[in-house]
Structure formats: C-alpha cells, structure tokens
Amino acid sequence: MKPKKIYIIGPESSGKSTLAKILSKKLKIRHYDLDDVVWSRRYDRKRSHERRLKKLKAIIKKKSWIIEGIFGGWTKPVFKRAELIIMLNLNYSLLVKNLLKTLLFGRFMGYEKDKTSLKNTWKLIKHVRKYRTREHVKSYKGHMELIEKYKKKSVEIRTNKDLKKFLKEI
C-alpha cells in the first residue's frame, strides 16, 4: 500500500522541495512547503505561533498530503500523523554545491534576493555543516529521535542511487 501522508525532512538544499514535487505528481497527492506555513509573506512576515499551528493542523487533518520542510518542535504533529518519513541525508560537499548553485543561479534568474544573498548562503553553509552534530530538534539527531519516538516507517536517502531506487519502488 502506498503511503498517503509523507513527511520529507533534511537539511537545507538537500532536495526536499524537488522530491515533494516529484512524489506529488507520481502519487497524485498535494504537497505543502512548511515555509508557506511559517511565512504569511515569504521571508518577510512570519505567522504567529498560534496561526502557524492552526494552518499546520488543517493540513494534517486531510486524508493525504506530502509535507516538506525543516523546522523545530512545532512540527511534532506532522511526525505523529505521517505514514512515511523520508530523511534526505546527503553528504556535506553535495549540500554546499547545491547551496552555491542556488546562490549563483538564483541571483542570475532574479529569485528571492534574501534567500540568494552571499551572507545568507554563508550562514546556510555553516548551518548544514552543523546539521549532523547539533543537539537540537532541528538536527539529524533530533529528527531521528522523533522518528523513533513515534515509531514511524522511514527511509533515509543518502545518494542519487538511493533516490532512484526509492522512486522506482514507491
């Protein structure tokens, strides 16, 4: 049986949004970006904690969804309701390559200036380096603890080969 409630997690630039779009099309399930839950206007105006939770709860009450994003403890309801959690755990050099590609391509194409600034890219490079070692709910360890706590079926994708195999099987 194919999962109908999927949560995709992993550090910045690991391909969460891209995978969500692919799965959404393949499984015919709507996908949601947690950035759209947090921000009422992208990277400019955040929703209050209460409004964010209300919006999140409305999504997870649906009979099917794919949610992607990397946020802290307020996303525990997603972990609780998910049928499958996909952990994108790419190596650091590939994450840096993806961040630099976003910086260069994004600036060239005129994408969100805050997201593609050199200062923000440097901050993200430092952040993804710490992803596997931090003692924080928004880290690899924190994510794995939530998967274990809620006893969820999960798959960890580390390479393109893993990804191709997963997409073939789902």
N, C-alpha and C. Protein backbone atom coordinates (compact mmCIF):
# COMPACT_ATOMS: atom_id res chain seq x y z
N MET A 1 0.84 -1.19 0.00
CA MET A 1 0.00 0.00 0.00
C MET A 1 0.88 1.25 0.00
N LYS A 2 0.57 2.17 -0.87
CA LYS A 2 1.34 3.40 -0.97
C LYS A 2 0.94 4.35 0.16
N PRO A 3 1.94 5.01 0.76
CA PRO A 3 1.63 5.96 1.84
C PRO A 3 0.86 7.16 1.31
N LYS A 4 -0.03 7.70 2.12
CA LYS A 4 -0.82 8.87 1.74
C LYS A 4 -0.46 10.11 2.55
N LYS A 5 0.39 9.90 3.58
CA LYS A 5 0.83 11.02 4.43
C LYS A 5 2.34 10.90 4.58
N ILE A 6 3.04 11.76 3.86
CA ILE A 6 4.50 11.68 3.76
C ILE A 6 5.12 12.98 4.26
N TYR A 7 6.14 12.84 5.08
CA TYR A 7 6.89 13.99 5.59
C TYR A 7 8.32 13.86 5.11
N ILE A 8 8.80 14.87 4.39
CA ILE A 8 10.17 14.88 3.86
C ILE A 8 10.98 15.87 4.68
N ILE A 9 12.07 15.36 5.28
CA ILE A 9 12.92 16.20 6.13
C ILE A 9 14.37 16.09 5.67
N GLY A 10 15.18 17.00 6.15
CA GLY A 10 16.61 17.01 5.84
C GLY A 10 17.10 18.44 5.85
N PRO A 11 18.40 18.62 5.78
CA PRO A 11 18.96 19.98 5.85
C PRO A 11 18.64 20.81 4.61
N GLU A 12 18.94 22.08 4.70
CA GLU A 12 18.74 22.99 3.57
C GLU A 12 19.50 22.47 2.35
N SER A 13 18.89 22.64 1.19
CA SER A 13 19.46 22.27 -0.11
C SER A 13 19.67 20.78 -0.30
N SER A 14 18.93 19.97 0.44
CA SER A 14 19.05 18.52 0.26
C SER A 14 18.09 17.99 -0.80
N GLY A 15 17.17 18.83 -1.28
CA GLY A 15 16.26 18.42 -2.34
C GLY A 15 14.85 18.10 -1.87
N LYS A 16 14.48 18.60 -0.69
CA LYS A 16 13.15 18.32 -0.14
C LYS A 16 12.05 18.81 -1.07
N SER A 17 12.14 20.03 -1.53
CA SER A 17 11.10 20.60 -2.39
C SER A 17 11.00 19.85 -3.72
N THR A 18 12.14 19.54 -4.29
CA THR A 18 12.17 18.83 -5.56
C THR A 18 11.54 17.44 -5.40
N LEU A 19 11.92 16.73 -4.35
CA LEU A 19 11.35 15.39 -4.12
C LEU A 19 9.85 15.48 -3.86
N ALA A 20 9.42 16.49 -3.10
CA ALA A 20 7.99 16.66 -2.82
C ALA A 20 7.21 16.85 -4.12
N LYS A 21 7.74 17.63 -5.04
CA LYS A 21 7.07 17.85 -6.32
C LYS A 21 7.01 16.57 -7.15
N ILE A 22 8.10 15.80 -7.15
CA ILE A 22 8.13 14.54 -7.90
C ILE A 22 7.10 13.56 -7.33
N LEU A 23 7.11 13.40 -6.00
CA LEU A 23 6.17 12.47 -5.37
C LEU A 23 4.73 12.92 -5.53
N SER A 24 4.52 14.23 -5.44
CA SER A 24 3.18 14.78 -5.60
C SER A 24 2.60 14.40 -6.96
N LYS A 25 3.40 14.55 -7.98
CA LYS A 25 2.96 14.23 -9.33
C LYS A 25 2.76 12.72 -9.49
N LYS A 26 3.72 11.95 -8.99
CA LYS A 26 3.67 10.49 -9.14
C LYS A 26 2.51 9.86 -8.37
N LEU A 27 2.29 10.33 -7.14
CA LEU A 27 1.26 9.73 -6.28
C LEU A 27 -0.08 10.47 -6.35
N LYS A 28 -0.10 11.60 -7.06
CA LYS A 28 -1.30 12.44 -7.17
C LYS A 28 -1.80 12.87 -5.78
N ILE A 29 -0.83 13.36 -4.99
CA ILE A 29 -1.10 13.87 -3.65
C ILE A 29 -0.56 15.30 -3.58
N ARG A 30 -1.34 16.20 -3.05
CA ARG A 30 -0.90 17.59 -2.93
C ARG A 30 0.27 17.70 -1.95
N HIS A 31 1.22 18.56 -2.30
CA HIS A 31 2.34 18.77 -1.38
C HIS A 31 2.30 20.17 -0.79
N TYR A 32 2.86 20.27 0.42
CA TYR A 32 2.88 21.53 1.17
C TYR A 32 4.31 21.81 1.63
N ASP A 33 4.71 23.05 1.48
CA ASP A 33 6.03 23.51 1.92
C ASP A 33 5.85 24.19 3.27
N LEU A 34 6.59 23.76 4.28
CA LEU A 34 6.45 24.37 5.61
C LEU A 34 6.80 25.86 5.62
N ASP A 35 7.60 26.31 4.65
CA ASP A 35 7.86 27.75 4.54
C ASP A 35 6.56 28.52 4.36
N ASP A 36 5.62 27.93 3.62
CA ASP A 36 4.33 28.59 3.39
C ASP A 36 3.44 28.56 4.63
N VAL A 37 3.76 27.69 5.57
CA VAL A 37 3.03 27.64 6.84
C VAL A 37 3.62 28.69 7.80
N VAL A 38 4.93 28.81 7.79
CA VAL A 38 5.62 29.75 8.69
C VAL A 38 5.42 31.20 8.26
N TRP A 39 5.55 31.44 6.97
CA TRP A 39 5.55 32.82 6.46
C TRP A 39 4.21 33.18 5.84
N SER A 40 3.66 34.33 6.23
CA SER A 40 2.46 34.81 5.55
C SER A 40 2.87 35.53 4.27
N ARG A 41 4.07 36.07 4.26
CA ARG A 41 4.68 36.61 3.04
C ARG A 41 6.12 36.14 3.09
N ARG A 42 6.51 35.33 2.13
CA ARG A 42 7.79 34.62 2.15
C ARG A 42 8.98 35.47 2.57
N TYR A 43 9.63 35.00 3.62
CA TYR A 43 10.85 35.57 4.16
C TYR A 43 10.72 37.04 4.54
N ASP A 44 9.49 37.50 4.75
CA ASP A 44 9.26 38.89 5.11
C ASP A 44 8.41 39.01 6.37
N ARG A 45 7.32 38.25 6.41
CA ARG A 45 6.39 38.36 7.53
C ARG A 45 6.01 36.97 8.04
N LYS A 46 6.42 36.68 9.26
CA LYS A 46 6.12 35.37 9.85
C LYS A 46 4.73 35.36 10.47
N ARG A 47 4.11 34.19 10.43
CA ARG A 47 2.85 34.00 11.14
C ARG A 47 3.16 33.80 12.63
N SER A 48 2.21 34.13 13.46
CA SER A 48 2.37 33.86 14.89
C SER A 48 2.40 32.35 15.09
N HIS A 49 2.92 31.93 16.21
CA HIS A 49 2.99 30.50 16.53
C HIS A 49 1.60 29.86 16.47
N GLU A 50 0.61 30.56 17.00
CA GLU A 50 -0.76 30.03 17.02
C GLU A 50 -1.32 29.87 15.62
N ARG A 51 -1.12 30.86 14.75
CA ARG A 51 -1.63 30.78 13.37
C ARG A 51 -0.91 29.70 12.57
N ARG A 52 0.37 29.57 12.84
CA ARG A 52 1.17 28.54 12.18
C ARG A 52 0.64 27.15 12.53
N LEU A 53 0.40 26.92 13.83
CA LEU A 53 -0.13 25.62 14.26
C LEU A 53 -1.52 25.35 13.69
N LYS A 54 -2.35 26.38 13.65
CA LYS A 54 -3.69 26.23 13.11
C LYS A 54 -3.63 25.81 11.64
N LYS A 55 -2.76 26.47 10.88
CA LYS A 55 -2.60 26.15 9.45
C LYS A 55 -2.03 24.74 9.28
N LEU A 56 -1.06 24.38 10.11
CA LEU A 56 -0.47 23.05 10.04
C LEU A 56 -1.51 21.97 10.36
N LYS A 57 -2.28 22.18 11.41
CA LYS A 57 -3.29 21.19 11.81
C LYS A 57 -4.35 21.01 10.73
N ALA A 58 -4.69 22.09 10.02
CA ALA A 58 -5.67 21.98 8.93
C ALA A 58 -5.12 21.09 7.80
N ILE A 59 -3.82 21.18 7.56
CA ILE A 59 -3.20 20.36 6.51
C ILE A 59 -3.18 18.90 6.93
N ILE A 60 -2.73 18.63 8.15
CA ILE A 60 -2.55 17.22 8.54
C ILE A 60 -3.87 16.49 8.82
N LYS A 61 -4.97 17.23 8.87
CA LYS A 61 -6.28 16.59 9.01
C LYS A 61 -6.77 16.01 7.68
N LYS A 62 -6.17 16.45 6.58
CA LYS A 62 -6.58 15.96 5.26
C LYS A 62 -6.25 14.47 5.13
N LYS A 63 -6.93 13.79 4.22
CA LYS A 63 -6.72 12.35 4.09
C LYS A 63 -5.39 12.01 3.42
N SER A 64 -4.80 12.94 2.69
CA SER A 64 -3.48 12.70 2.10
C SER A 64 -2.72 14.01 1.98
N TRP A 65 -1.40 13.91 2.11
CA TRP A 65 -0.53 15.08 1.99
C TRP A 65 0.93 14.65 1.91
N ILE A 66 1.70 15.53 1.32
CA ILE A 66 3.15 15.43 1.36
C ILE A 66 3.61 16.78 1.92
N ILE A 67 4.31 16.73 3.03
CA ILE A 67 4.80 17.95 3.66
C ILE A 67 6.32 17.90 3.64
N GLU A 68 6.93 19.02 3.29
CA GLU A 68 8.39 19.08 3.31
C GLU A 68 8.84 20.34 4.02
N GLY A 69 9.92 20.19 4.76
CA GLY A 69 10.50 21.33 5.44
C GLY A 69 11.34 20.91 6.63
N ILE A 70 12.10 21.86 7.12
CA ILE A 70 12.99 21.58 8.24
C ILE A 70 12.75 22.63 9.32
N PHE A 71 11.92 22.29 10.23
CA PHE A 71 11.62 23.20 11.35
C PHE A 71 11.67 22.42 12.64
N GLY A 72 11.57 23.13 13.73
CA GLY A 72 11.75 22.55 15.05
C GLY A 72 10.55 21.83 15.62
N GLY A 73 10.45 21.89 16.93
CA GLY A 73 9.49 21.11 17.69
C GLY A 73 8.03 21.32 17.35
N TRP A 74 7.66 22.45 16.77
CA TRP A 74 6.25 22.68 16.46
C TRP A 74 5.74 21.76 15.36
N THR A 75 6.63 21.04 14.69
CA THR A 75 6.20 20.13 13.62
C THR A 75 5.97 18.70 14.14
N LYS A 76 6.02 18.50 15.45
CA LYS A 76 5.78 17.17 16.01
C LYS A 76 4.44 16.57 15.55
N PRO A 77 3.37 17.37 15.39
CA PRO A 77 2.12 16.78 14.89
C PRO A 77 2.27 16.11 13.51
N VAL A 78 3.18 16.63 12.69
CA VAL A 78 3.41 16.02 11.38
C VAL A 78 4.07 14.64 11.56
N PHE A 79 5.06 14.58 12.46
CA PHE A 79 5.71 13.30 12.75
C PHE A 79 4.67 12.29 13.25
N LYS A 80 3.77 12.74 14.10
CA LYS A 80 2.76 11.84 14.68
C LYS A 80 1.83 11.27 13.61
N ARG A 81 1.44 12.08 12.63
CA ARG A 81 0.42 11.67 11.64
C ARG A 81 1.01 11.03 10.38
N ALA A 82 2.29 11.23 10.13
CA ALA A 82 2.90 10.73 8.89
C ALA A 82 2.89 9.20 8.85
N GLU A 83 2.67 8.67 7.66
CA GLU A 83 2.77 7.23 7.43
C GLU A 83 4.19 6.84 6.99
N LEU A 84 4.88 7.81 6.39
CA LEU A 84 6.25 7.60 5.93
C LEU A 84 7.03 8.90 6.12
N ILE A 85 8.22 8.76 6.66
CA ILE A 85 9.12 9.92 6.79
C ILE A 85 10.34 9.64 5.93
N ILE A 86 10.62 10.59 5.06
CA ILE A 86 11.78 10.47 4.17
C ILE A 86 12.85 11.43 4.68
N MET A 87 13.99 10.86 5.06
CA MET A 87 15.12 11.65 5.55
C MET A 87 16.12 11.79 4.41
N LEU A 88 16.32 13.01 3.96
CA LEU A 88 17.34 13.27 2.95
C LEU A 88 18.63 13.61 3.70
N ASN A 89 19.61 12.75 3.58
CA ASN A 89 20.84 12.87 4.35
C ASN A 89 22.03 12.82 3.40
N LEU A 90 22.15 13.85 2.58
CA LEU A 90 23.23 13.92 1.60
C LEU A 90 24.53 14.35 2.28
N ASN A 91 25.66 14.07 1.62
CA ASN A 91 26.93 14.46 2.22
C ASN A 91 27.12 15.98 2.13
N TYR A 92 27.96 16.48 3.00
CA TYR A 92 28.16 17.92 3.16
C TYR A 92 28.60 18.59 1.86
N SER A 93 29.51 17.99 1.13
CA SER A 93 30.02 18.64 -0.09
C SER A 93 28.90 18.81 -1.13
N LEU A 94 27.99 17.86 -1.22
CA LEU A 94 26.87 17.99 -2.15
C LEU A 94 25.91 19.09 -1.70
N LEU A 95 25.68 19.19 -0.39
CA LEU A 95 24.81 20.25 0.13
C LEU A 95 25.40 21.63 -0.18
N VAL A 96 26.72 21.78 0.00
CA VAL A 96 27.39 23.06 -0.29
C VAL A 96 27.28 23.37 -1.78
N LYS A 97 27.50 22.36 -2.61
CA LYS A 97 27.37 22.54 -4.06
C LYS A 97 25.96 23.04 -4.41
N ASN A 98 24.94 22.42 -3.80
CA ASN A 98 23.56 22.83 -4.06
C ASN A 98 23.31 24.26 -3.59
N LEU A 99 23.84 24.63 -2.43
CA LEU A 99 23.67 26.00 -1.92
C LEU A 99 24.34 27.02 -2.84
N LEU A 100 25.54 26.70 -3.31
CA LEU A 100 26.24 27.62 -4.21
C LEU A 100 25.53 27.73 -5.56
N LYS A 101 24.97 26.62 -6.02
CA LYS A 101 24.19 26.64 -7.26
C LYS A 101 22.96 27.53 -7.10
N THR A 102 22.30 27.42 -5.94
CA THR A 102 21.15 28.28 -5.66
C THR A 102 21.56 29.74 -5.64
N LEU A 103 22.69 30.03 -5.02
CA LEU A 103 23.20 31.41 -4.96
C LEU A 103 23.43 31.95 -6.37
N LEU A 104 24.20 31.22 -7.16
CA LEU A 104 24.56 31.71 -8.50
C LEU A 104 23.37 31.73 -9.45
N PHE A 105 22.65 30.64 -9.51
CA PHE A 105 21.51 30.54 -10.42
C PHE A 105 20.40 31.49 -9.97
N GLY A 106 20.17 31.52 -8.67
CA GLY A 106 19.11 32.38 -8.13
C GLY A 106 19.37 33.85 -8.39
N ARG A 107 20.60 34.28 -8.21
CA ARG A 107 20.93 35.69 -8.47
C ARG A 107 20.77 36.00 -9.95
N PHE A 108 21.21 35.08 -10.79
CA PHE A 108 21.12 35.27 -12.23
C PHE A 108 19.66 35.34 -12.69
N MET A 109 18.82 34.49 -12.10
CA MET A 109 17.41 34.42 -12.51
C MET A 109 16.53 35.42 -11.76
N GLY A 110 17.11 36.13 -10.79
CA GLY A 110 16.34 37.13 -10.06
C GLY A 110 15.42 36.56 -9.00
N TYR A 111 15.79 35.38 -8.45
CA TYR A 111 14.99 34.79 -7.38
C TYR A 111 15.08 35.61 -6.11
N GLU A 112 14.39 35.17 -5.10
CA GLU A 112 14.32 35.87 -3.82
C GLU A 112 15.69 36.33 -3.38
N LYS A 113 15.88 37.64 -3.29
CA LYS A 113 17.20 38.19 -3.02
C LYS A 113 17.73 37.81 -1.64
N ASP A 114 16.86 37.78 -0.63
CA ASP A 114 17.33 37.38 0.70
C ASP A 114 17.82 35.95 0.71
N LYS A 115 17.09 35.10 0.02
CA LYS A 115 17.43 33.68 0.00
C LYS A 115 18.71 33.43 -0.78
N THR A 116 19.01 34.25 -1.75
CA THR A 116 20.17 34.03 -2.59
C THR A 116 21.27 35.06 -2.35
N SER A 117 21.30 35.65 -1.17
CA SER A 117 22.39 36.58 -0.85
C SER A 117 23.62 35.79 -0.42
N LEU A 118 24.78 36.38 -0.62
CA LEU A 118 26.03 35.74 -0.21
C LEU A 118 26.05 35.54 1.31
N LYS A 119 25.57 36.54 2.04
CA LYS A 119 25.54 36.45 3.50
C LYS A 119 24.66 35.28 3.96
N ASN A 120 23.47 35.15 3.38
CA ASN A 120 22.56 34.07 3.74
C ASN A 120 23.13 32.71 3.32
N THR A 121 23.76 32.65 2.15
CA THR A 121 24.34 31.39 1.68
C THR A 121 25.45 30.94 2.63
N TRP A 122 26.30 31.87 3.07
CA TRP A 122 27.36 31.53 4.01
C TRP A 122 26.77 31.01 5.32
N LYS A 123 25.72 31.67 5.79
CA LYS A 123 25.03 31.24 7.02
C LYS A 123 24.50 29.81 6.86
N LEU A 124 23.90 29.52 5.71
CA LEU A 124 23.35 28.19 5.45
C LEU A 124 24.45 27.13 5.33
N ILE A 125 25.58 27.50 4.73
CA ILE A 125 26.71 26.57 4.62
C ILE A 125 27.18 26.17 6.02
N LYS A 126 27.28 27.14 6.92
CA LYS A 126 27.68 26.83 8.30
C LYS A 126 26.60 26.00 8.99
N HIS A 127 25.35 26.30 8.70
CA HIS A 127 24.23 25.59 9.32
C HIS A 127 24.19 24.13 8.90
N VAL A 128 24.33 23.84 7.60
CA VAL A 128 24.27 22.45 7.15
C VAL A 128 25.48 21.65 7.65
N ARG A 129 26.59 22.33 7.89
CA ARG A 129 27.77 21.64 8.44
C ARG A 129 27.47 21.12 9.85
N LYS A 130 26.67 21.88 10.59
CA LYS A 130 26.35 21.51 11.96
C LYS A 130 25.14 20.59 12.06
N TYR A 131 24.44 20.37 10.97
CA TYR A 131 23.19 19.60 10.99
C TYR A 131 23.35 18.23 11.66
N ARG A 132 24.42 17.53 11.35
CA ARG A 132 24.60 16.18 11.89
C ARG A 132 25.15 16.15 13.30
N THR A 133 25.68 17.25 13.81
CA THR A 133 26.35 17.22 15.11
C THR A 133 25.61 17.98 16.21
N ARG A 134 24.65 18.82 15.85
CA ARG A 134 23.96 19.62 16.86
C ARG A 134 23.06 18.79 17.74
N GLU A 135 22.89 19.23 18.96
CA GLU A 135 21.95 18.61 19.90
C GLU A 135 20.69 19.47 19.87
N HIS A 136 19.90 19.35 18.83
CA HIS A 136 18.76 20.24 18.64
C HIS A 136 17.68 19.49 17.90
N VAL A 137 16.42 19.85 18.15
CA VAL A 137 15.30 19.16 17.49
C VAL A 137 15.34 19.35 15.97
N LYS A 138 16.01 20.41 15.50
CA LYS A 138 16.08 20.69 14.08
C LYS A 138 17.37 20.12 13.47
N SER A 139 17.92 19.09 14.09
CA SER A 139 19.14 18.47 13.61
C SER A 139 18.86 17.03 13.21
N TYR A 140 19.86 16.40 12.64
CA TYR A 140 19.74 15.00 12.26
C TYR A 140 19.34 14.16 13.47
N LYS A 141 20.05 14.36 14.57
CA LYS A 141 19.76 13.59 15.79
C LYS A 141 18.33 13.84 16.27
N GLY A 142 17.91 15.10 16.28
CA GLY A 142 16.55 15.43 16.71
C GLY A 142 15.49 14.80 15.82
N HIS A 143 15.73 14.82 14.52
CA HIS A 143 14.79 14.21 13.59
C HIS A 143 14.72 12.70 13.82
N MET A 144 15.87 12.06 13.97
CA MET A 144 15.88 10.61 14.17
C MET A 144 15.19 10.22 15.48
N GLU A 145 15.37 11.05 16.51
CA GLU A 145 14.70 10.78 17.79
C GLU A 145 13.17 10.83 17.65
N LEU A 146 12.68 11.80 16.86
CA LEU A 146 11.23 11.90 16.65
C LEU A 146 10.70 10.71 15.84
N ILE A 147 11.46 10.27 14.86
CA ILE A 147 11.06 9.09 14.07
C ILE A 147 10.95 7.88 14.99
N GLU A 148 11.94 7.69 15.86
CA GLU A 148 11.92 6.56 16.80
C GLU A 148 10.80 6.71 17.83
N LYS A 149 10.63 7.93 18.35
CA LYS A 149 9.61 8.16 19.38
C LYS A 149 8.22 7.78 18.88
N TYR A 150 7.90 8.18 17.66
CA TYR A 150 6.57 7.91 17.12
C TYR A 150 6.51 6.61 16.31
N LYS A 151 7.62 5.87 16.32
CA LYS A 151 7.69 4.55 15.67
C LYS A 151 7.19 4.61 14.22
N LYS A 152 7.78 5.51 13.45
CA LYS A 152 7.34 5.72 12.08
C LYS A 152 8.21 4.97 11.08
N LYS A 153 7.54 4.52 10.03
CA LYS A 153 8.26 3.94 8.90
C LYS A 153 9.07 5.07 8.27
N SER A 154 10.33 4.80 8.00
CA SER A 154 11.15 5.86 7.42
C SER A 154 12.12 5.27 6.40
N VAL A 155 12.58 6.14 5.55
CA VAL A 155 13.60 5.78 4.58
C VAL A 155 14.63 6.91 4.60
N GLU A 156 15.90 6.52 4.58
CA GLU A 156 16.97 7.51 4.56
C GLU A 156 17.63 7.47 3.19
N ILE A 157 17.69 8.63 2.56
CA ILE A 157 18.27 8.73 1.23
C ILE A 157 19.58 9.50 1.34
N ARG A 158 20.66 8.83 0.95
CA ARG A 158 22.00 9.43 1.06
C ARG A 158 22.62 9.75 -0.29
N THR A 159 22.19 9.05 -1.33
CA THR A 159 22.82 9.20 -2.65
C THR A 159 21.74 9.25 -3.74
N ASN A 160 22.17 9.63 -4.93
CA ASN A 160 21.25 9.60 -6.08
C ASN A 160 20.79 8.18 -6.37
N LYS A 161 21.66 7.20 -6.13
CA LYS A 161 21.30 5.80 -6.33
C LYS A 161 20.16 5.42 -5.37
N ASP A 162 20.27 5.83 -4.10
CA ASP A 162 19.20 5.58 -3.13
C ASP A 162 17.89 6.21 -3.60
N LEU A 163 17.99 7.43 -4.10
CA LEU A 163 16.80 8.16 -4.54
C LEU A 163 16.13 7.45 -5.72
N LYS A 164 16.93 7.05 -6.70
CA LYS A 164 16.37 6.35 -7.87
C LYS A 164 15.69 5.05 -7.46
N LYS A 165 16.31 4.32 -6.55
CA LYS A 165 15.73 3.06 -6.07
C LYS A 165 14.41 3.32 -5.34
N PHE A 166 14.40 4.33 -4.49
CA PHE A 166 13.18 4.68 -3.75
C PHE A 166 12.04 5.06 -4.70
N LEU A 167 12.34 5.92 -5.68
CA LEU A 167 11.30 6.36 -6.62
C LEU A 167 10.78 5.22 -7.47
N LYS A 168 11.62 4.28 -7.76
CA LYS A 168 11.20 3.11 -8.55
C LYS A 168 10.26 2.23 -7.73
N GLU A 169 10.53 2.12 -6.42
CA GLU A 169 9.77 1.22 -5.55
C GLU A 169 8.44 1.82 -5.08
N ILE A 170 8.35 3.12 -5.01
CA ILE A 170 7.13 3.73 -4.44
C ILE A 170 6.01 3.79 -5.47
